[in-house]
Amino acid sequence: MHKPVTRNAIAFASAVIAATFALSALADEGGAVSSAQAEMDMMDTDHDGRVSEDEHAAGAKSMFARMDANGDGTVTASEMDSGQHAMKSAGDDSKDAMSSAEKIRAIDTNGDGALSADEHEAGSRSMFQKMDSDHDGALTVVEIASGHAARLKKA
C-alpha cells in the first residue's frame, strides 16, 4: 500500500533528490562548503559566481543521466545507491541521511518505486526554489551549502 505523501514531504524530498545527484558527483572530503563550491563550479556555466535556475536544471538533468545506469529513463534506488557508492558521496554515510528509496518515494508521483526524468525535473525545480533563500533567481555557494545541509537529513 502506498502511503499518502504531504506537500512538505514532496518539497523536502525534491530538494534531497537533486542535492543527492549533485553531491554524489561532486563531493569531496572537505565538507559541505567545498562540496557546494564544487557543485557551483560544475553548474555555473557562465562563471558569474551564481547558479541560475536554468543552470541548476541542466546540472540536475546531467546528474540524472549519470545515475540512470541502464539508460531506461528511470532511476531506481539500487541505481542511486550504486551511483552514490561509486562517487563516494559526502554526507550520505550519515545514519541520519535519507536512504535512496526514501528519497525516491517522496517524489515518486506515480508510485512505481522509480524516478522518471519528469519526476526528477519537478523535484529539481522545487529544490531550487527552496534553496534560493533570498528569492533572487540564483543560488550562491552559501545557499547551496545550507540547503543541502538542511535537506539531506531524515525528516
Protein backbone atom coordinates (compact mmCIF):
# COMPACT_ATOMS: atom_id res chain seq x y z
CA MET A 1 0.00 0.00 0.00
CA HIS A 2 1.38 3.39 -0.98
CA LYS A 3 1.22 5.84 1.92
CA PRO A 4 -0.02 9.38 1.06
CA VAL A 5 2.75 11.96 0.99
CA THR A 6 2.30 15.53 2.20
CA ARG A 7 3.19 18.55 0.09
CA ASN A 8 6.02 19.43 2.53
CA ALA A 9 7.43 15.92 2.24
CA ILE A 10 7.37 16.21 -1.54
CA ALA A 11 9.19 19.55 -1.47
CA PHE A 12 11.70 18.21 1.02
CA ALA A 13 12.36 15.07 -0.98
CA SER A 14 12.59 17.03 -4.22
CA ALA A 15 15.39 19.01 -2.67
CA VAL A 16 17.07 15.89 -1.41
CA ILE A 17 16.99 14.11 -4.76
CA ALA A 18 18.57 16.93 -6.69
CA ALA A 19 21.11 17.56 -3.94
CA THR A 20 21.99 13.90 -3.83
CA PHE A 21 22.72 13.76 -7.55
CA ALA A 22 24.84 16.86 -7.39
CA LEU A 23 26.69 15.88 -4.24
CA SER A 24 27.21 12.33 -5.46
CA ALA A 25 29.12 13.52 -8.47
CA LEU A 26 31.00 16.34 -6.83
CA ALA A 27 31.53 15.77 -3.12
CA ASP A 28 34.95 15.58 -1.55
CA GLU A 29 36.26 15.04 1.96
CA GLY A 30 36.30 18.80 2.70
CA GLY A 31 32.70 19.14 3.88
CA ALA A 32 29.56 20.97 2.83
CA VAL A 33 31.15 24.24 1.71
CA SER A 34 33.77 22.62 -0.51
CA SER A 35 31.10 20.28 -1.91
CA ALA A 36 28.86 23.26 -2.56
CA GLN A 37 31.76 25.06 -4.23
CA ALA A 38 32.42 22.03 -6.43
CA GLU A 39 28.74 21.92 -7.37
CA MET A 40 28.81 25.66 -8.07
CA ASP A 41 31.87 25.27 -10.29
CA MET A 42 30.21 22.48 -12.28
CA MET A 43 26.80 24.14 -12.71
CA ASP A 44 27.86 27.79 -13.09
CA THR A 45 28.38 27.59 -16.84
CA ASP A 46 28.58 31.36 -17.34
CA HIS A 47 31.10 31.65 -14.46
CA ASP A 48 29.32 34.54 -12.74
CA GLY A 49 29.58 33.01 -9.27
CA ARG A 50 25.86 32.17 -9.14
CA VAL A 51 23.77 29.26 -10.39
CA SER A 52 20.62 30.29 -12.25
CA GLU A 53 17.52 28.11 -12.30
CA ASP A 54 18.33 27.05 -15.88
CA GLU A 55 21.92 26.17 -14.95
CA HIS A 56 20.64 24.19 -11.97
CA ALA A 57 18.11 22.33 -14.13
CA ALA A 58 20.78 21.47 -16.70
CA GLY A 59 23.12 20.20 -13.99
CA ALA A 60 20.39 18.10 -12.40
CA LYS A 61 19.49 16.65 -15.81
CA SER A 62 23.11 15.65 -16.32
CA MET A 63 23.22 14.01 -12.89
CA PHE A 64 20.03 12.08 -13.65
CA ALA A 65 21.54 10.77 -16.88
CA ARG A 66 24.63 9.58 -14.99
CA MET A 67 22.55 7.82 -12.35
CA ASP A 68 20.34 6.07 -14.96
CA ALA A 69 22.85 3.25 -15.33
CA ASN A 70 20.79 1.10 -17.67
CA GLY A 71 19.54 4.03 -19.78
CA ASP A 72 15.86 3.19 -19.39
CA GLY A 73 14.80 6.72 -18.44
CA THR A 74 14.22 5.91 -14.76
CA VAL A 75 16.41 5.77 -11.67
CA THR A 76 15.77 3.06 -9.11
CA ALA A 77 17.01 3.02 -5.52
CA SER A 78 19.66 0.45 -6.46
CA GLU A 79 20.90 2.64 -9.32
CA MET A 80 21.04 5.61 -6.97
CA ASP A 81 22.83 3.54 -4.31
CA SER A 82 25.34 2.27 -6.87
CA GLY A 83 26.00 5.75 -8.19
CA GLN A 84 26.44 7.19 -4.72
CA HIS A 85 28.77 4.40 -3.66
CA ALA A 86 30.86 4.74 -6.81
CA MET A 87 31.14 8.50 -6.40
CA LYS A 88 31.78 8.50 -2.62
CA SER A 89 29.02 10.94 -1.74
CA ALA A 90 29.77 13.16 1.25
CA GLY A 91 27.05 13.16 3.87
CA ASP A 92 25.33 10.02 2.59
CA ASP A 93 27.23 7.85 5.07
CA SER A 94 25.40 9.53 7.93
CA LYS A 95 22.89 7.35 9.74
CA ASP A 96 20.58 10.39 9.66
CA ALA A 97 20.66 10.71 5.86
CA MET A 98 17.63 9.61 3.90
CA SER A 99 18.02 6.32 2.03
CA SER A 100 17.78 6.30 -1.74
CA ALA A 101 14.43 4.53 -1.50
CA GLU A 102 13.12 7.24 0.86
CA LYS A 103 14.35 9.99 -1.46
CA ILE A 104 12.66 8.40 -4.45
CA ARG A 105 9.44 7.52 -2.62
CA ALA A 106 8.91 11.13 -1.56
CA ILE A 107 8.76 12.49 -5.13
CA ASP A 108 7.66 9.37 -6.99
CA THR A 109 4.33 10.81 -8.09
CA ASN A 110 3.11 7.67 -9.84
CA GLY A 111 4.18 5.32 -7.03
CA ASP A 112 6.14 2.90 -9.21
CA GLY A 113 9.23 2.90 -6.99
CA ALA A 114 11.46 4.61 -9.55
CA LEU A 115 12.18 8.19 -10.51
CA SER A 116 11.34 9.24 -14.04
CA ALA A 117 13.12 12.13 -15.73
CA ASP A 118 9.95 14.23 -15.36
CA GLU A 119 9.64 13.46 -11.65
CA HIS A 120 13.29 14.30 -11.14
CA GLU A 121 12.98 17.55 -13.10
CA ALA A 122 10.00 18.63 -10.98
CA GLY A 123 11.95 17.76 -7.84
CA SER A 124 14.96 19.71 -9.04
CA ARG A 125 12.91 22.80 -9.76
CA SER A 126 11.26 22.56 -6.34
CA MET A 127 14.66 22.20 -4.72
CA PHE A 128 15.95 25.28 -6.49
CA GLN A 129 13.03 27.32 -5.16
CA LYS A 130 13.61 26.07 -1.61
CA MET A 131 17.35 26.72 -1.72
CA ASP A 132 17.00 30.21 -3.22
CA SER A 133 16.53 31.71 0.24
CA ASP A 134 16.72 35.33 -0.91
CA HIS A 135 14.43 34.64 -3.90
CA ASP A 136 16.71 36.41 -6.38
CA GLY A 137 16.59 33.65 -9.01
CA ALA A 138 20.12 32.38 -8.42
CA LEU A 139 21.98 30.23 -5.90
CA THR A 140 25.18 31.22 -4.14
CA VAL A 141 27.65 28.82 -2.55
CA VAL A 142 26.18 29.65 0.86
CA GLU A 143 22.63 28.88 -0.29
CA ILE A 144 23.76 25.60 -1.84
CA ALA A 145 25.69 24.51 1.26
CA SER A 146 22.95 25.47 3.72
CA GLY A 147 20.24 23.99 1.52
CA HIS A 148 22.00 20.65 1.27
CA ALA A 149 22.76 20.55 4.99
CA ALA A 150 19.11 21.15 5.81
CA ARG A 151 17.69 18.71 3.27
CA LEU A 152 19.98 15.68 3.43
CA LYS A 153 18.76 14.61 6.86
CA LYS A 154 15.77 12.38 7.53
CA ALA A 155 12.60 14.27 8.36
